[in-house]
Each structure stands twice: as structure tokens, then as C-alpha cells.
Amino acid sequence: MAKAKIVKSNKEKAIAVAQSYLRASLASVLALYLAGQTDWKVLANAFLAGLVGPVLKALDPKATEFGKNSK
């Protein structure tokens, strides 16, 4: 039996991308905070740096979930 292809709406994709961004950013901030970094500017920069992972995934043509070739 062939697997059914799951088609997501644009809204669902946007929510999934946002959740991916938030997970990456919060993990970055939490790692720094647990290491003893409490400067809010450094933590804010880490939050913004968390965007790099999801952006790279979006630019990857092999990433079918969010990438250039996603449907």
C-alpha cells in the first residue's frame, strides 16, 4: 500500500516554520542562560541567531518539509 501524501495549507506551513524558529531560538537562549550568561543583549542576539537554522533549512532544496522544493 502506498503512503498517502500529506498536503499542508500555507497557514499550517507558516505555523510549522514559526515553531521551528522558536524552538531553535529558545534553545540557544536557554543554553547560554544555563551557562551563566545573564546579559540581556547577549541573550537577545542568541535569540536572533536561532533564526539561522530554520533559514538554512528553508534555502535547502533537499528539505522537502520547508525547503525550496516543498509542496
PDB file of N, CA and C in Angstrom:
ATOM      1  N   MET A   1       0.839  -1.165   0.000  1.00  0.00           N
ATOM      2  CA  MET A   1       0.000   0.000   0.000  1.00  0.00           C
ATOM      3  C   MET A   1       0.895   1.243   0.000  1.00  0.00           C
ATOM      4  N   ALA A   2       0.595   2.187  -0.850  1.00  0.00           N
ATOM      5  CA  ALA A   2       1.376   3.426  -0.951  1.00  0.00           C
ATOM      6  C   ALA A   2       1.002   4.367   0.186  1.00  0.00           C
ATOM      7  N   LYS A   3       1.995   5.124   0.626  1.00  0.00           N
ATOM      8  CA  LYS A   3       1.728   6.092   1.689  1.00  0.00           C
ATOM      9  C   LYS A   3       0.951   7.267   1.126  1.00  0.00           C
ATOM     10  N   ALA A   4       0.004   7.757   1.897  1.00  0.00           N
ATOM     11  CA  ALA A   4      -0.766   8.934   1.484  1.00  0.00           C
ATOM     12  C   ALA A   4       0.099  10.168   1.642  1.00  0.00           C
ATOM     13  N   LYS A   5       0.055  11.027   0.669  1.00  0.00           N
ATOM     14  CA  LYS A   5       0.831  12.257   0.716  1.00  0.00           C
ATOM     15  C   LYS A   5       0.065  13.291   1.534  1.00  0.00           C
ATOM     16  N   ILE A   6       0.741  13.860   2.518  1.00  0.00           N
ATOM     17  CA  ILE A   6       0.104  14.851   3.382  1.00  0.00           C
ATOM     18  C   ILE A   6       0.334  16.226   2.782  1.00  0.00           C
ATOM     19  N   VAL A   7      -0.735  16.928   2.509  1.00  0.00           N
ATOM     20  CA  VAL A   7      -0.648  18.269   1.935  1.00  0.00           C
ATOM     21  C   VAL A   7      -1.034  19.266   3.025  1.00  0.00           C
ATOM     22  N   LYS A   8      -0.141  20.186   3.299  1.00  0.00           N
ATOM     23  CA  LYS A   8      -0.398  21.204   4.320  1.00  0.00           C
ATOM     24  C   LYS A   8      -0.794  22.507   3.651  1.00  0.00           C
ATOM     25  N   SER A   9      -1.658  23.235   4.324  1.00  0.00           N
ATOM     26  CA  SER A   9      -2.031  24.552   3.815  1.00  0.00           C
ATOM     27  C   SER A   9      -0.898  25.532   4.107  1.00  0.00           C
ATOM     28  N   ASN A  10      -0.953  26.694   3.469  1.00  0.00           N
ATOM     29  CA  ASN A  10       0.079  27.711   3.696  1.00  0.00           C
ATOM     30  C   ASN A  10       0.103  28.161   5.142  1.00  0.00           C
ATOM     31  N   LYS A  11      -1.073  28.247   5.771  1.00  0.00           N
ATOM     32  CA  LYS A  11      -1.139  28.655   7.177  1.00  0.00           C
ATOM     33  C   LYS A  11      -0.455  27.618   8.064  1.00  0.00           C
ATOM     34  N   GLU A  12      -0.701  26.337   7.798  1.00  0.00           N
ATOM     35  CA  GLU A  12      -0.073  25.286   8.589  1.00  0.00           C
ATOM     36  C   GLU A  12       1.443  25.296   8.403  1.00  0.00           C
ATOM     37  N   LYS A  13       1.893  25.534   7.172  1.00  0.00           N
ATOM     38  CA  LYS A  13       3.336  25.613   6.925  1.00  0.00           C
ATOM     39  C   LYS A  13       3.948  26.796   7.666  1.00  0.00           C
ATOM     40  N   ALA A  14       3.271  27.940   7.645  1.00  0.00           N
ATOM     41  CA  ALA A  14       3.784  29.128   8.334  1.00  0.00           C
ATOM     42  C   ALA A  14       3.891  28.885   9.833  1.00  0.00           C
ATOM     43  N   ILE A  15       2.902  28.218  10.387  1.00  0.00           N
ATOM     44  CA  ILE A  15       2.932  27.905  11.823  1.00  0.00           C
ATOM     45  C   ILE A  15       4.081  26.951  12.122  1.00  0.00           C
ATOM     46  N   ALA A  16       4.273  25.941  11.283  1.00  0.00           N
ATOM     47  CA  ALA A  16       5.358  24.976  11.489  1.00  0.00           C
ATOM     48  C   ALA A  16       6.719  25.655  11.394  1.00  0.00           C
ATOM     49  N   VAL A  17       6.879  26.568  10.442  1.00  0.00           N
ATOM     50  CA  VAL A  17       8.146  27.306  10.304  1.00  0.00           C
ATOM     51  C   VAL A  17       8.383  28.175  11.539  1.00  0.00           C
ATOM     52  N   ALA A  18       7.341  28.855  12.006  1.00  0.00           N
ATOM     53  CA  ALA A  18       7.471  29.704  13.193  1.00  0.00           C
ATOM     54  C   ALA A  18       7.836  28.875  14.420  1.00  0.00           C
ATOM     55  N   GLN A  19       7.233  27.712  14.553  1.00  0.00           N
ATOM     56  CA  GLN A  19       7.549  26.845  15.693  1.00  0.00           C
ATOM     57  C   GLN A  19       8.995  26.365  15.620  1.00  0.00           C
ATOM     58  N   SER A  20       9.462  26.059  14.420  1.00  0.00           N
ATOM     59  CA  SER A  20      10.852  25.645  14.247  1.00  0.00           C
ATOM     60  C   SER A  20      11.796  26.764  14.662  1.00  0.00           C
ATOM     61  N   TYR A  21      11.485  28.002  14.241  1.00  0.00           N
ATOM     62  CA  TYR A  21      12.291  29.161  14.610  1.00  0.00           C
ATOM     63  C   TYR A  21      12.309  29.347  16.127  1.00  0.00           C
ATOM     64  N   LEU A  22      11.144  29.275  16.744  1.00  0.00           N
ATOM     65  CA  LEU A  22      11.068  29.479  18.189  1.00  0.00           C
ATOM     66  C   LEU A  22      11.839  28.409  18.955  1.00  0.00           C
ATOM     67  N   ARG A  23      11.724  27.152  18.528  1.00  0.00           N
ATOM     68  CA  ARG A  23      12.465  26.075  19.202  1.00  0.00           C
ATOM     69  C   ARG A  23      13.969  26.319  19.121  1.00  0.00           C
ATOM     70  N   ALA A  24      14.458  26.651  17.945  1.00  0.00           N
ATOM     71  CA  ALA A  24      15.894  26.886  17.777  1.00  0.00           C
ATOM     72  C   ALA A  24      16.353  28.086  18.586  1.00  0.00           C
ATOM     73  N   SER A  25      15.582  29.155  18.548  1.00  0.00           N
ATOM     74  CA  SER A  25      15.967  30.377  19.264  1.00  0.00           C
ATOM     75  C   SER A  25      15.932  30.185  20.770  1.00  0.00           C
ATOM     76  N   LEU A  26      14.886  29.572  21.259  1.00  0.00           N
ATOM     77  CA  LEU A  26      14.792  29.363  22.703  1.00  0.00           C
ATOM     78  C   LEU A  26      15.867  28.406  23.204  1.00  0.00           C
ATOM     79  N   ALA A  27      16.229  27.417  22.405  1.00  0.00           N
ATOM     80  CA  ALA A  27      17.312  26.507  22.793  1.00  0.00           C
ATOM     81  C   ALA A  27      18.629  27.264  22.893  1.00  0.00           C
ATOM     82  N   SER A  28      18.863  28.182  21.975  1.00  0.00           N
ATOM     83  CA  SER A  28      20.091  28.987  22.015  1.00  0.00           C
ATOM     84  C   SER A  28      20.138  29.839  23.278  1.00  0.00           C
ATOM     85  N   VAL A  29      19.037  30.492  23.564  1.00  0.00           N
ATOM     86  CA  VAL A  29      18.967  31.360  24.746  1.00  0.00           C
ATOM     87  C   VAL A  29      19.112  30.536  26.018  1.00  0.00           C
ATOM     88  N   LEU A  30      18.423  29.416  26.091  1.00  0.00           N
ATOM     89  CA  LEU A  30      18.486  28.580  27.289  1.00  0.00           C
ATOM     90  C   LEU A  30      19.895  28.051  27.526  1.00  0.00           C
ATOM     91  N   ALA A  31      20.569  27.637  26.468  1.00  0.00           N
ATOM     92  CA  ALA A  31      21.937  27.128  26.616  1.00  0.00           C
ATOM     93  C   ALA A  31      22.856  28.203  27.198  1.00  0.00           C
ATOM     94  N   LEU A  32      22.751  29.417  26.689  1.00  0.00           N
ATOM     95  CA  LEU A  32      23.588  30.499  27.213  1.00  0.00           C
ATOM     96  C   LEU A  32      23.226  30.849  28.656  1.00  0.00           C
ATOM     97  N   TYR A  33      21.930  30.887  28.937  1.00  0.00           N
ATOM     98  CA  TYR A  33      21.493  31.235  30.292  1.00  0.00           C
ATOM     99  C   TYR A  33      21.974  30.193  31.304  1.00  0.00           C
ATOM    100  N   LEU A  34      21.862  28.920  30.933  1.00  0.00           N
ATOM    101  CA  LEU A  34      22.313  27.860  31.842  1.00  0.00           C
ATOM    102  C   LEU A  34      23.827  27.859  32.013  1.00  0.00           C
ATOM    103  N   ALA A  35      24.535  28.416  31.030  1.00  0.00           N
ATOM    104  CA  ALA A  35      25.994  28.529  31.141  1.00  0.00           C
ATOM    105  C   ALA A  35      26.407  29.737  31.970  1.00  0.00           C
ATOM    106  N   GLY A  36      25.431  30.521  32.427  1.00  0.00           N
ATOM    107  CA  GLY A  36      25.732  31.643  33.303  1.00  0.00           C
ATOM    108  C   GLY A  36      25.658  33.001  32.642  1.00  0.00           C
ATOM    109  N   GLN A  37      25.307  33.061  31.401  1.00  0.00           N
ATOM    110  CA  GLN A  37      25.198  34.339  30.690  1.00  0.00           C
ATOM    111  C   GLN A  37      23.853  34.988  31.045  1.00  0.00           C
ATOM    112  N   THR A  38      23.902  36.177  31.616  1.00  0.00           N
ATOM    113  CA  THR A  38      22.660  36.845  32.004  1.00  0.00           C
ATOM    114  C   THR A  38      22.493  38.216  31.348  1.00  0.00           C
ATOM    115  N   ASP A  39      23.451  38.618  30.526  1.00  0.00           N
ATOM    116  CA  ASP A  39      23.340  39.899  29.831  1.00  0.00           C
ATOM    117  C   ASP A  39      22.205  39.797  28.807  1.00  0.00           C
ATOM    118  N   TRP A  40      21.204  40.652  28.930  1.00  0.00           N
ATOM    119  CA  TRP A  40      20.015  40.543  28.070  1.00  0.00           C
ATOM    120  C   TRP A  40      20.329  40.821  26.610  1.00  0.00           C
ATOM    121  N   LYS A  41      21.352  41.625  26.341  1.00  0.00           N
ATOM    122  CA  LYS A  41      21.732  41.888  24.943  1.00  0.00           C
ATOM    123  C   LYS A  41      22.317  40.639  24.293  1.00  0.00           C
ATOM    124  N   VAL A  42      23.130  39.923  25.030  1.00  0.00           N
ATOM    125  CA  VAL A  42      23.713  38.680  24.509  1.00  0.00           C
ATOM    126  C   VAL A  42      22.612  37.652  24.288  1.00  0.00           C
ATOM    127  N   LEU A  43      21.681  37.551  25.231  1.00  0.00           N
ATOM    128  CA  LEU A  43      20.582  36.597  25.098  1.00  0.00           C
ATOM    129  C   LEU A  43      19.670  36.969  23.924  1.00  0.00           C
ATOM    130  N   ALA A  44      19.448  38.258  23.709  1.00  0.00           N
ATOM    131  CA  ALA A  44      18.632  38.707  22.574  1.00  0.00           C
ATOM    132  C   ALA A  44      19.325  38.372  21.253  1.00  0.00           C
ATOM    133  N   ASN A  45      20.643  38.552  21.208  1.00  0.00           N
ATOM    134  CA  ASN A  45      21.389  38.190  19.999  1.00  0.00           C
ATOM    135  C   ASN A  45      21.343  36.681  19.753  1.00  0.00           C
ATOM    136  N   ALA A  46      21.391  35.904  20.819  1.00  0.00           N
ATOM    137  CA  ALA A  46      21.295  34.452  20.669  1.00  0.00           C
ATOM    138  C   ALA A  46      19.919  34.063  20.133  1.00  0.00           C
ATOM    139  N   PHE A  47      18.901  34.764  20.582  1.00  0.00           N
ATOM    140  CA  PHE A  47      17.544  34.500  20.092  1.00  0.00           C
ATOM    141  C   PHE A  47      17.468  34.764  18.590  1.00  0.00           C
ATOM    142  N   LEU A  48      18.050  35.875  18.152  1.00  0.00           N
ATOM    143  CA  LEU A  48      18.060  36.192  16.718  1.00  0.00           C
ATOM    144  C   LEU A  48      18.934  35.208  15.933  1.00  0.00           C
ATOM    145  N   ALA A  49      20.028  34.768  16.527  1.00  0.00           N
ATOM    146  CA  ALA A  49      20.907  33.810  15.859  1.00  0.00           C
ATOM    147  C   ALA A  49      20.230  32.463  15.678  1.00  0.00           C
ATOM    148  N   GLY A  50      19.242  32.178  16.487  1.00  0.00           N
ATOM    149  CA  GLY A  50      18.486  30.938  16.343  1.00  0.00           C
ATOM    150  C   GLY A  50      17.744  30.867  15.022  1.00  0.00           C
ATOM    151  N   LEU A  51      17.599  31.981  14.353  1.00  0.00           N
ATOM    152  CA  LEU A  51      16.930  32.022  13.052  1.00  0.00           C
ATOM    153  C   LEU A  51      17.767  31.352  11.966  1.00  0.00           C
ATOM    154  N   VAL A  52      19.052  31.251  12.169  1.00  0.00           N
ATOM    155  CA  VAL A  52      19.944  30.734  11.137  1.00  0.00           C
ATOM    156  C   VAL A  52      19.567  29.307  10.719  1.00  0.00           C
ATOM    157  N   GLY A  53      19.296  28.441  11.669  1.00  0.00           N
ATOM    158  CA  GLY A  53      18.951  27.050  11.353  1.00  0.00           C
ATOM    159  C   GLY A  53      17.724  26.926  10.464  1.00  0.00           C
ATOM    160  N   PRO A  54      16.600  27.499  10.861  1.00  0.00           N
ATOM    161  CA  PRO A  54      15.414  27.425  10.005  1.00  0.00           C
ATOM    162  C   PRO A  54      15.595  28.093   8.648  1.00  0.00           C
ATOM    163  N   VAL A  55      16.360  29.183   8.581  1.00  0.00           N
ATOM    164  CA  VAL A  55      16.590  29.847   7.296  1.00  0.00           C
ATOM    165  C   VAL A  55      17.407  28.935   6.377  1.00  0.00           C
ATOM    166  N   LEU A  56      18.430  28.299   6.927  1.00  0.00           N
ATOM    167  CA  LEU A  56      19.231  27.379   6.120  1.00  0.00           C
ATOM    168  C   LEU A  56      18.387  26.204   5.631  1.00  0.00           C
ATOM    169  N   LYS A  57      17.486  25.739   6.477  1.00  0.00           N
ATOM    170  CA  LYS A  57      16.593  24.651   6.070  1.00  0.00           C
ATOM    171  C   LYS A  57      15.667  25.114   4.952  1.00  0.00           C
ATOM    172  N   ALA A  58      15.174  26.329   5.039  1.00  0.00           N
ATOM    173  CA  ALA A  58      14.279  26.861   4.012  1.00  0.00           C
ATOM    174  C   ALA A  58      15.002  27.024   2.685  1.00  0.00           C
ATOM    175  N   LEU A  59      16.291  27.321   2.719  1.00  0.00           N
ATOM    176  CA  LEU A  59      17.063  27.508   1.496  1.00  0.00           C
ATOM    177  C   LEU A  59      17.559  26.196   0.891  1.00  0.00           C
ATOM    178  N   ASP A  60      17.501  25.122   1.663  1.00  0.00           N
ATOM    179  CA  ASP A  60      17.989  23.821   1.211  1.00  0.00           C
ATOM    180  C   ASP A  60      16.986  23.182   0.251  1.00  0.00           C
ATOM    181  N   PRO A  61      17.380  22.942  -1.001  1.00  0.00           N
ATOM    182  CA  PRO A  61      16.436  22.359  -1.960  1.00  0.00           C
ATOM    183  C   PRO A  61      16.083  20.907  -1.644  1.00  0.00           C
ATOM    184  N   LYS A  62      16.875  20.237  -0.812  1.00  0.00           N
ATOM    185  CA  LYS A  62      16.585  18.842  -0.453  1.00  0.00           C
ATOM    186  C   LYS A  62      15.619  18.738   0.714  1.00  0.00           C
ATOM    187  N   ALA A  63      15.403  19.823   1.434  1.00  0.00           N
ATOM    188  CA  ALA A  63      14.487  19.824   2.577  1.00  0.00           C
ATOM    189  C   ALA A  63      13.061  19.928   2.050  1.00  0.00           C
ATOM    190  N   THR A  64      12.366  18.819   2.040  1.00  0.00           N
ATOM    191  CA  THR A  64      11.029  18.803   1.451  1.00  0.00           C
ATOM    192  C   THR A  64       9.968  19.347   2.402  1.00  0.00           C
ATOM    193  N   GLU A  65      10.302  19.449   3.694  1.00  0.00           N
ATOM    194  CA  GLU A  65       9.320  19.940   4.662  1.00  0.00           C
ATOM    195  C   GLU A  65       9.077  21.447   4.505  1.00  0.00           C
ATOM    196  N   PHE A  66      10.175  22.230   4.522  1.00  0.00           N
ATOM    197  CA  PHE A  66      10.071  23.686   4.411  1.00  0.00           C
ATOM    198  C   PHE A  66      10.921  24.244   3.281  1.00  0.00           C
ATOM    199  N   GLY A  67      11.703  23.405   2.650  1.00  0.00           N
ATOM    200  CA  GLY A  67      12.683  23.883   1.667  1.00  0.00           C
ATOM    201  C   GLY A  67      12.083  24.452   0.401  1.00  0.00           C
ATOM    202  N   LYS A  68      12.978  24.866  -0.478  1.00  0.00           N
ATOM    203  CA  LYS A  68      12.574  25.462  -1.745  1.00  0.00           C
ATOM    204  C   LYS A  68      11.636  24.545  -2.539  1.00  0.00           C
ATOM    205  N   ASN A  69      11.876  23.257  -2.471  1.00  0.00           N
ATOM    206  CA  ASN A  69      11.099  22.298  -3.255  1.00  0.00           C
ATOM    207  C   ASN A  69       9.924  21.709  -2.492  1.00  0.00           C
ATOM    208  N   SER A  70       9.537  22.308  -1.369  1.00  0.00           N
ATOM    209  CA  SER A  70       8.383  21.800  -0.627  1.00  0.00           C
ATOM    210  C   SER A  70       7.111  22.112  -1.400  1.00  0.00           C
ATOM    211  N   LYS A  71       6.128  21.290  -1.181  1.00  0.00           N
ATOM    212  CA  LYS A  71       4.847  21.469  -1.900  1.00  0.00           C
ATOM    213  C   LYS A  71       3.728  21.746  -0.950  1.00  0.00           C
TER     214      LYS A  71
END
